[in-house]
Protein backbone atom coordinates (compact mmCIF):
# COMPACT_ATOMS: atom_id res chain seq x y z
CA MET A 1 261.47 31.86 126.76
CA PHE A 2 257.47 32.51 126.29
CA VAL A 3 256.11 30.94 123.42
CA ASP A 4 252.36 31.09 122.45
CA GLN A 5 252.42 30.37 119.10
CA VAL A 6 253.82 28.27 116.33
CA LYS A 7 253.14 26.40 112.98
CA ILE A 8 254.07 22.28 113.25
CA THR A 9 253.72 19.61 110.44
CA ALA A 10 252.22 16.45 111.47
CA LYS A 11 252.09 12.50 109.01
CA ALA A 12 250.29 10.40 110.37
CA GLY A 13 252.01 6.69 108.53
CA ASN A 14 251.39 4.95 106.27
CA GLY A 15 248.96 1.79 106.43
CA GLY A 16 250.98 -2.16 104.93
CA ASN A 17 251.04 -3.34 101.83
CA GLY A 18 249.03 -6.62 102.05
CA ALA A 19 251.02 -9.73 100.37
CA VAL A 20 251.54 -11.54 98.02
CA SER A 21 252.38 -15.26 98.87
CA PHE A 22 251.21 -18.96 98.91
CA HIS A 23 250.55 -21.67 101.12
CA ARG A 24 253.45 -23.72 100.78
CA GLU A 25 253.51 -27.77 103.28
CA LYS A 26 254.87 -32.05 102.09
CA PHE A 27 252.22 -33.43 100.34
CA VAL A 28 249.92 -30.15 99.49
CA GLN A 29 250.07 -29.51 95.98
CA ASN A 30 248.18 -26.41 95.59
CA GLY A 31 247.55 -25.33 99.05
CA GLY A 32 246.45 -21.48 97.59
CA PRO A 33 246.82 -17.69 98.16
CA ASP A 34 247.48 -17.54 101.92
CA GLY A 35 249.05 -13.42 101.59
CA GLY A 36 248.13 -11.25 104.98
CA ASP A 37 246.76 -7.89 104.86
CA GLY A 38 249.25 -4.90 105.96
CA GLY A 39 248.53 -2.83 109.33
CA ASN A 40 247.02 0.16 109.69
CA GLY A 41 249.51 3.21 110.06
CA GLY A 42 249.97 4.85 113.53
CA ASP A 43 247.80 7.78 114.33
CA ILE A 44 248.59 11.74 115.50
CA VAL A 45 247.33 12.20 118.79
CA LEU A 46 247.48 15.13 120.82
CA LEU A 47 247.42 14.69 125.01
CA ALA A 48 247.13 17.93 127.28
CA ASP A 49 249.51 18.32 130.02
CA GLU A 50 248.83 20.16 132.85
CA ASN A 51 252.69 20.28 133.81
CA MET A 52 253.40 22.26 130.16
CA HIS A 53 252.59 25.82 130.33
CA THR A 54 253.81 27.01 126.92
CA LEU A 55 254.08 25.34 123.54
CA MET A 56 258.35 26.42 123.57
CA ASP A 57 259.47 22.68 123.19
CA PHE A 58 257.85 23.05 119.94
CA ARG A 59 260.73 25.52 119.04
CA TYR A 60 263.03 22.58 118.50
CA ARG A 61 260.56 19.67 117.86
CA ARG A 62 258.21 20.86 114.65
CA LYS A 63 257.75 17.90 112.62
CA PHE A 64 256.03 15.18 113.64
CA THR A 65 255.41 11.62 112.13
CA ALA A 66 254.38 8.07 113.61
CA ASP A 67 255.07 4.29 112.26
CA ASN A 68 254.39 3.08 109.63
CA GLY A 69 252.08 -0.55 109.47
CA GLY A 70 254.06 -3.32 108.94
CA ASN A 71 253.60 -5.01 105.43
CA GLY A 72 251.30 -7.93 105.78
CA ALA A 73 253.31 -11.55 105.61
CA ALA A 74 253.11 -15.60 104.42
CA GLY A 75 249.93 -17.83 106.52
CA LEU A 76 247.58 -15.06 106.20
CA CYS A 77 249.12 -13.32 109.06
CA ARG A 78 248.66 -9.15 108.90
CA GLY A 79 251.41 -6.74 109.43
CA LYS A 80 251.63 -4.62 112.50
CA ASN A 81 249.66 -1.52 113.47
CA GLY A 82 251.62 1.11 113.41
CA GLN A 83 252.37 2.50 116.84
CA GLU A 84 250.40 6.01 117.69
CA LEU A 85 252.35 9.21 118.78
CA VAL A 86 251.66 11.18 121.24
CA ILE A 87 251.93 14.65 121.03
CA LYS A 88 251.88 16.73 124.78
CA VAL A 89 249.77 20.00 124.52
CA PRO A 90 249.97 22.61 127.32
CA VAL A 91 246.06 22.49 128.51
CA GLY A 92 244.21 25.97 126.69
CA THR A 93 245.94 25.50 123.50
CA ILE A 94 244.34 24.59 120.59
CA VAL A 95 245.50 23.93 117.51
CA ARG A 96 244.00 25.15 113.59
CA SER A 97 244.98 22.95 110.02
CA THR A 98 246.65 26.42 108.04
CA HIS A 99 245.29 25.70 105.03
CA ASP A 100 241.70 26.22 105.58
CA GLY A 101 242.00 28.24 108.98
CA ARG A 102 239.80 24.85 110.03
CA LEU A 103 239.41 24.34 114.41
CA CYS A 104 240.73 21.67 114.83
CA ALA A 105 240.84 20.66 118.17
CA ASP A 106 241.01 22.96 122.00
CA MET A 107 242.74 21.12 124.93
CA HIS A 108 240.88 22.58 127.65
CA GLU A 109 240.71 19.84 130.04
CA ALA A 110 244.19 18.03 131.40
CA GLY A 111 244.07 14.27 130.40
CA GLN A 112 242.46 15.20 127.72
CA ARG A 113 242.96 13.51 124.26
CA HIS A 114 242.22 13.46 120.71
CA VAL A 115 242.94 12.26 117.53
CA LEU A 116 244.67 15.01 115.08
CA LEU A 117 244.70 12.34 112.47
CA LYS A 118 244.03 8.92 111.60
CA GLY A 119 247.26 6.65 110.25
CA GLY A 120 246.30 5.46 106.72
CA ARG A 121 244.31 1.73 106.76
CA GLY A 122 246.44 -0.95 105.70
CA GLY A 123 246.25 -3.21 102.23
CA TRP A 124 244.35 -6.62 101.58
CA GLY A 125 246.27 -9.66 101.05
CA ASN A 126 246.05 -11.41 98.12
CA ALA A 127 244.44 -13.97 99.39
CA HIS A 128 241.18 -11.56 99.76
CA PHE A 129 241.17 -11.49 95.27
CA ALA A 130 240.58 -15.50 95.06
CA THR A 131 237.52 -16.26 92.83
CA PRO A 132 236.61 -19.44 91.89
CA THR A 133 237.93 -18.30 88.39
CA ARG A 134 241.28 -16.76 89.76
CA GLN A 135 242.62 -19.14 92.13
CA ALA A 136 245.80 -18.26 92.52
CA PRO A 137 245.69 -14.15 92.27
CA ASN A 138 250.04 -13.14 92.08
CA PHE A 139 248.74 -9.32 93.14
CA ALA A 140 247.62 -7.78 96.35
CA LYS A 141 246.73 -4.45 97.21
CA PRO A 142 249.11 -1.51 98.54
CA GLY A 143 248.65 1.00 102.09
CA GLN A 144 247.00 3.28 102.26
CA LYS A 145 249.51 6.75 101.93
CA CYS A 146 248.89 9.94 104.48
CA GLU A 147 250.10 13.86 103.58
CA ILE A 148 252.19 16.38 105.34
CA ILE A 149 249.90 18.73 107.26
CA GLU A 150 250.76 21.74 108.76
CA PHE A 151 248.18 22.70 112.19
CA GLU A 152 249.25 26.24 113.91
CA LEU A 153 249.17 25.61 117.86
CA GLU A 154 247.68 28.68 120.15
CA LEU A 155 248.19 28.92 123.61
CA LYS A 156 244.97 30.57 125.86
CA SER A 157 245.81 30.60 129.45
CA ILE A 158 243.06 28.99 131.18
CA ALA A 159 242.63 31.15 134.68
CA ASP A 160 239.54 31.66 136.74
CA VAL A 161 239.99 35.64 136.83
CA GLY A 162 242.10 37.38 134.84
CA LEU A 163 243.90 40.24 136.35
CA VAL A 164 244.29 43.49 133.51
CA GLY A 165 245.17 46.79 134.00
CA TYR A 166 248.14 49.30 132.07
CA PRO A 167 251.54 48.21 132.81
CA ASN A 168 253.00 48.85 136.19
CA VAL A 169 249.76 49.35 138.42
CA GLY A 170 249.93 46.65 140.74
CA LYS A 171 248.99 42.85 139.29
CA SER A 172 251.75 41.33 140.14
CA THR A 173 251.97 42.06 142.96
CA ILE A 174 248.18 41.36 144.09
CA LEU A 175 248.61 37.95 142.34
CA SER A 176 251.42 37.71 144.77
CA VAL A 177 249.56 38.42 147.85
CA VAL A 178 246.32 36.10 147.63
CA THR A 179 248.58 33.12 145.89
CA ALA A 180 251.37 31.03 145.90
CA ALA A 181 252.85 32.61 143.14
CA LYS A 182 256.12 34.42 142.83
CA PRO A 183 255.97 36.65 139.81
CA LYS A 184 258.98 39.35 139.01
CA ILE A 185 257.87 42.57 140.43
CA ALA A 186 260.08 45.74 139.92
CA ASN A 187 258.96 49.30 139.43
CA TYR A 188 259.23 49.70 135.65
CA HIS A 189 257.10 49.45 132.74
CA PHE A 190 256.05 45.55 131.45
CA THR A 191 258.42 43.98 133.83
CA THR A 192 256.42 40.79 133.10
CA LEU A 193 256.73 39.44 130.07
CA THR A 194 254.38 35.72 129.92
CA PRO A 195 251.14 35.90 131.74
CA ASN A 196 251.74 33.94 135.39
CA LEU A 197 249.07 32.06 136.69
CA GLY A 198 248.60 31.43 140.69
CA ILE A 199 245.85 29.30 142.41
CA CYS A 200 243.61 31.10 145.03
CA ARG A 201 241.51 29.16 147.67
CA GLN A 202 239.27 32.04 149.76
CA TYR A 203 236.38 30.24 152.22
CA GLY A 204 236.31 27.55 150.49
CA LEU A 205 236.52 28.17 147.10
CA ASP A 206 239.79 27.02 144.42
CA PHE A 207 240.02 28.97 141.10
CA VAL A 208 242.46 30.29 139.13
CA MET A 209 244.04 34.09 138.76
CA ALA A 210 246.17 35.07 135.94
CA ASP A 211 248.43 37.91 135.72
CA ILE A 212 247.85 38.57 131.95
CA PRO A 213 250.35 41.47 131.02
CA GLY A 214 250.29 44.96 130.56
CA ILE A 215 247.95 45.99 128.02
CA VAL A 216 248.22 50.20 126.76
CA GLU A 217 246.62 51.86 124.35
CA GLY A 218 245.93 50.24 120.65
CA ALA A 219 246.86 47.01 122.12
CA SER A 220 244.39 45.72 119.73
CA GLU A 221 246.02 47.08 116.89
CA GLY A 222 249.81 45.52 117.74
CA VAL A 223 250.75 48.42 119.79
CA GLY A 224 253.65 47.52 122.69
CA LEU A 225 253.52 43.68 123.18
CA GLY A 226 250.21 43.58 121.27
CA ILE A 227 247.48 41.17 120.79
CA GLN A 228 250.53 39.04 121.86
CA PHE A 229 248.39 38.28 125.27
CA LEU A 230 245.33 39.43 124.46
CA ARG A 231 244.38 36.05 123.57
CA HIS A 232 245.37 35.15 127.03
CA VAL A 233 242.43 36.88 128.89
CA GLU A 234 239.21 35.21 125.46
CA ARG A 235 239.37 32.03 128.68
CA THR A 236 238.73 34.23 131.72
CA ARG A 237 235.49 34.51 133.12
CA LEU A 238 236.07 37.08 135.68
CA LEU A 239 238.35 40.64 135.01
CA VAL A 240 239.85 42.21 137.78
CA HIS A 241 240.25 45.66 136.19
CA VAL A 242 243.25 47.25 138.56
CA VAL A 243 244.30 50.89 138.20
CA ASP A 244 245.66 53.10 139.53
CA ILE A 245 244.33 55.52 141.66
CA ALA A 246 246.62 57.45 142.52
CA GLY A 247 248.19 58.55 139.15
CA SER A 248 251.22 57.64 140.21
CA GLU A 249 252.93 58.50 137.20
CA GLY A 250 251.00 61.18 136.52
CA ARG A 251 247.97 59.43 134.25
CA ASP A 252 244.46 59.72 135.44
CA PRO A 253 243.18 56.03 136.88
CA VAL A 254 239.35 56.67 134.97
CA GLU A 255 241.13 58.18 131.26
CA ASP A 256 243.51 54.30 131.76
CA PHE A 257 239.79 52.21 132.54
CA GLU A 258 238.78 53.79 129.43
CA GLN A 259 241.95 53.00 127.33
CA ILE A 260 241.03 49.69 128.59
CA CYS A 261 238.00 48.60 128.65
CA ASP A 262 238.22 50.35 124.83
CA GLU A 263 240.81 47.61 123.82
CA LEU A 264 238.70 44.52 125.49
CA VAL A 265 236.11 46.12 122.50
CA ALA A 266 238.91 45.53 120.24
CA TYR A 267 239.90 42.46 120.29
CA GLY A 268 236.15 41.29 120.38
CA ASP A 269 233.75 40.30 123.03
CA LEU A 270 235.92 40.97 126.34
CA ALA A 271 234.16 44.15 127.45
CA GLU A 272 230.86 41.85 127.67
CA ARG A 273 233.19 39.45 130.55
CA PRO A 274 231.74 40.52 134.02
CA GLN A 275 234.32 42.71 135.80
CA ILE A 276 234.73 44.63 138.60
CA VAL A 277 237.53 47.07 139.55
CA ALA A 278 240.78 46.66 142.26
CA ALA A 279 241.21 50.54 143.12
CA ASN A 280 245.06 50.08 143.91
CA LYS A 281 247.95 52.34 145.23
CA MET A 282 245.42 53.42 147.68
CA ASP A 283 248.19 54.12 150.82
CA LEU A 284 249.41 57.10 148.11
CA PRO A 285 248.59 60.33 147.80
CA GLY A 286 245.63 61.88 145.78
CA ALA A 287 244.12 58.22 145.72
CA GLN A 288 240.78 58.93 147.62
CA GLU A 289 239.86 62.33 145.29
CA ASN A 290 240.28 60.29 142.10
CA LEU A 291 238.43 56.88 144.23
CA GLU A 292 235.59 58.88 143.79
CA ARG A 293 236.27 60.57 140.49
CA LEU A 294 235.76 56.43 139.14
CA ARG A 295 232.71 55.92 141.45
CA LYS A 296 231.25 58.73 139.88
CA HIS A 297 232.21 57.89 136.32
CA LEU A 298 230.90 53.83 137.06
CA HIS A 299 227.74 55.27 138.40
CA GLY A 300 224.56 53.37 136.88
CA THR A 301 226.75 50.73 135.73
CA ASP A 302 227.38 46.80 137.89
CA ILE A 303 231.01 47.35 138.48
CA GLU A 304 231.56 47.19 141.15
CA VAL A 305 235.38 49.47 142.37
CA TYR A 306 237.31 47.98 145.66
CA PRO A 307 240.36 50.21 146.86
CA ILE A 308 243.06 48.34 147.68
CA SER A 309 246.84 48.38 148.72
CA ALA A 310 248.79 45.71 147.92
CA ALA A 311 252.18 47.27 149.49
CA THR A 312 250.18 47.10 152.92
CA ARG A 313 247.96 44.21 151.91
CA GLN A 314 244.51 46.27 152.90
CA GLY A 315 241.09 46.00 151.47
CA PHE A 316 241.59 42.45 150.08
CA ASP A 317 238.91 40.58 151.78
CA GLU A 318 236.75 42.09 150.32
CA LEU A 319 238.18 41.91 147.32
CA MET A 320 238.70 38.12 147.15
CA GLY A 321 234.83 38.00 149.28
CA ALA A 322 233.34 39.18 146.19
CA ILE A 323 235.39 37.24 143.93
CA VAL A 324 234.13 33.92 145.26
CA ARG A 325 230.19 35.03 145.35
CA ILE A 326 230.83 36.23 141.36
CA LEU A 327 232.28 33.08 140.01
CA PRO A 328 230.04 30.62 141.05
CA THR A 329 227.37 32.77 138.93
CA LEU A 330 228.95 33.07 136.23
CA PRO A 331 229.01 30.12 132.96
CA GLU A 332 232.57 27.82 133.00
CA ILE A 333 234.98 28.87 131.11
CA THR A 334 234.95 28.96 127.32
CA VAL A 335 235.82 25.98 124.90
CA PHE A 336 235.59 26.41 120.96
CA GLU A 337 234.21 24.23 119.32
CA GLU A 338 235.74 22.22 116.78
CA GLU A 339 234.76 22.86 113.11
CA PRO A 340 234.38 19.85 110.90
CA GLU A 341 235.80 19.29 107.11
CA ALA A 342 235.07 20.85 104.67
CA ILE A 343 233.35 18.34 102.60
CA ALA A 344 235.89 19.08 99.38
CA ALA A 345 233.42 18.81 95.65
CA PRO A 346 234.75 14.82 94.99
CA GLU A 347 237.99 15.46 92.28
CA ALA A 348 237.94 13.43 89.18
CA PRO A 349 239.27 9.95 90.12
CA PHE A 350 241.78 10.76 87.13
CA THR A 351 243.02 13.62 84.26
CA ILE A 352 244.26 11.76 81.01
CA ASP A 353 246.86 14.97 80.00
CA ARG A 354 248.40 14.59 76.34
CA ASP A 355 252.37 15.00 76.04
CA GLY A 356 253.39 14.77 72.84
CA ALA A 357 252.62 11.05 71.79
CA VAL A 358 251.92 10.10 75.39
CA TYR A 359 248.60 10.30 77.34
CA ILE A 360 249.26 10.19 80.62
CA VAL A 361 247.00 8.96 83.03
CA SER A 362 247.01 10.39 86.34
CA GLY A 363 245.09 10.47 90.18
CA PRO A 364 245.91 8.74 92.67
CA ALA A 365 243.69 5.69 92.77
CA MET A 366 245.22 5.43 88.52
CA GLU A 367 249.19 5.56 91.28
CA MET A 368 247.57 3.15 93.53
CA LEU A 369 246.01 0.25 90.88
CA ILE A 370 249.48 0.26 89.06
CA ASP A 371 251.06 0.16 92.44
CA SER A 372 248.82 -3.56 93.16
CA VAL A 373 250.06 -4.27 89.67
CA ASN A 374 252.64 -7.18 89.46
CA PHE A 375 253.20 -7.12 85.96
CA SER A 376 255.52 -10.45 85.42
CA ASP A 377 252.08 -12.12 86.38
CA GLU A 378 248.65 -12.44 83.59
CA GLN A 379 246.33 -13.07 85.58
CA SER A 380 247.62 -9.72 87.67
CA LEU A 381 248.03 -7.96 83.82
CA ASN A 382 243.79 -9.03 82.91
CA TYR A 383 242.88 -8.07 86.19
CA PHE A 384 244.91 -4.31 85.41
CA HIS A 385 243.17 -4.45 81.96
CA ARG A 386 239.55 -4.77 83.69
CA THR A 387 239.98 -2.46 86.22
CA LEU A 388 240.65 0.11 83.66
CA ARG A 389 237.89 -0.90 81.37
CA SER A 390 235.69 -0.60 84.64
CA ARG A 391 236.49 2.18 85.53
CA GLY A 392 236.25 4.01 82.49
CA VAL A 393 240.02 4.99 81.77
CA ILE A 394 239.46 3.23 78.03
CA ASP A 395 236.99 4.63 77.23
CA ALA A 396 238.60 8.14 77.55
CA LEU A 397 241.46 7.33 76.32
CA ARG A 398 239.03 6.64 73.50
CA ALA A 399 237.33 9.72 73.47
CA ALA A 400 240.70 11.73 74.08
CA GLY A 401 242.38 10.25 70.63
CA ALA A 402 244.38 7.45 71.26
CA LYS A 403 244.56 4.55 69.32
CA GLU A 404 245.39 1.07 69.19
CA GLY A 405 249.87 0.63 69.46
CA ASP A 406 249.22 4.25 71.10
CA THR A 407 251.24 4.75 74.03
CA VAL A 408 249.79 4.91 77.81
CA ALA A 409 251.41 5.95 81.06
CA ILE A 410 249.91 5.81 84.13
CA GLY A 411 252.76 6.42 86.92
CA ASP A 412 256.27 5.38 86.62
CA MET A 413 255.14 2.37 83.86
CA GLU A 414 254.17 2.64 80.37
CA PHE A 415 252.50 0.79 78.27
CA ASP A 416 250.49 0.19 74.53
CA PHE A 417 247.18 1.06 74.54
CA ILE A 418 245.22 -1.97 73.23
CA GLU A 419 241.58 -1.71 72.59
């Protein structure tokens, strides 16, 4: 199966927790705090692999989680950093966030690396909280937690030259003649169901040619294979429009040309892409008359027409010569610019809700504060209360109607409100 669009979920590693520890040594009565910091969580990293050609692997694995950072330890030992998780993708893959549609990465070059998600920071050990008046802090900070995020991966084939046209006009046969590629060739529509790539070496120039599966009228609106393969035309620098110039299936090659051009226009700016016409099947009756009609139809445009016969291999020298002449004058492949993450409006550091007689204080900062408190230690409780006061939680609770002795809940902890 050829898979060129999938959704995955990814989560960077959480940061490790800081340690609560005190130095213990013979003849050293009060060694002081020596809790180490937690390690950083592992990153999620994308790697463009030239040996991958589809997103098939993601049909069987769609969840990716990097390692968490190790917790700190005694002796000011820092926790081990989490190992990064490398996700290999085919060259030409673009990655979007499904949450806001933002383009996160364009993996357009073999060997390219991109940090998709950064791991969480490790928490501080209790050694960081020592002061002249608090010489034995019995608390530490937890590591930063990371969220699960969903991404959409979309493969847009990278090729210098793209063969486009109606089904069964000879695109695969042309690719097999000018490259070492061996696409499936048969005399029926939609023989090619996946983009085929081949390397051409002509007159000292190497370039990649892609056989794009047959596009039909209405493809930009989902008819036939729909826009499933039009996306693979976006990267091509030059379009070779292949037409059945003999009209061997009862179709008019001039109408075929115009209909495919209409689909390219409807999909986007593809019609503005430089193109030449390969008038195939010149060995069949009626081809010469139709060739003259097509040339007359294109008179006044800069679109060149090259008569060829893929069956007898005639006319290919002129066609390939034109490609080699035009390619060096064209810009490099399209690279989609990454979109910076939108800066959201700052959220309130905490919210206060009331559930009956209980005042509930919630927010990520409050949850991290609760995780860092040792409720069995008086100094840690004093630090907790001072932090609540400095962050305005006490004043907000008072404004919400809390009185001395009322119950306040933060996370899983409940305690009495004290002025």
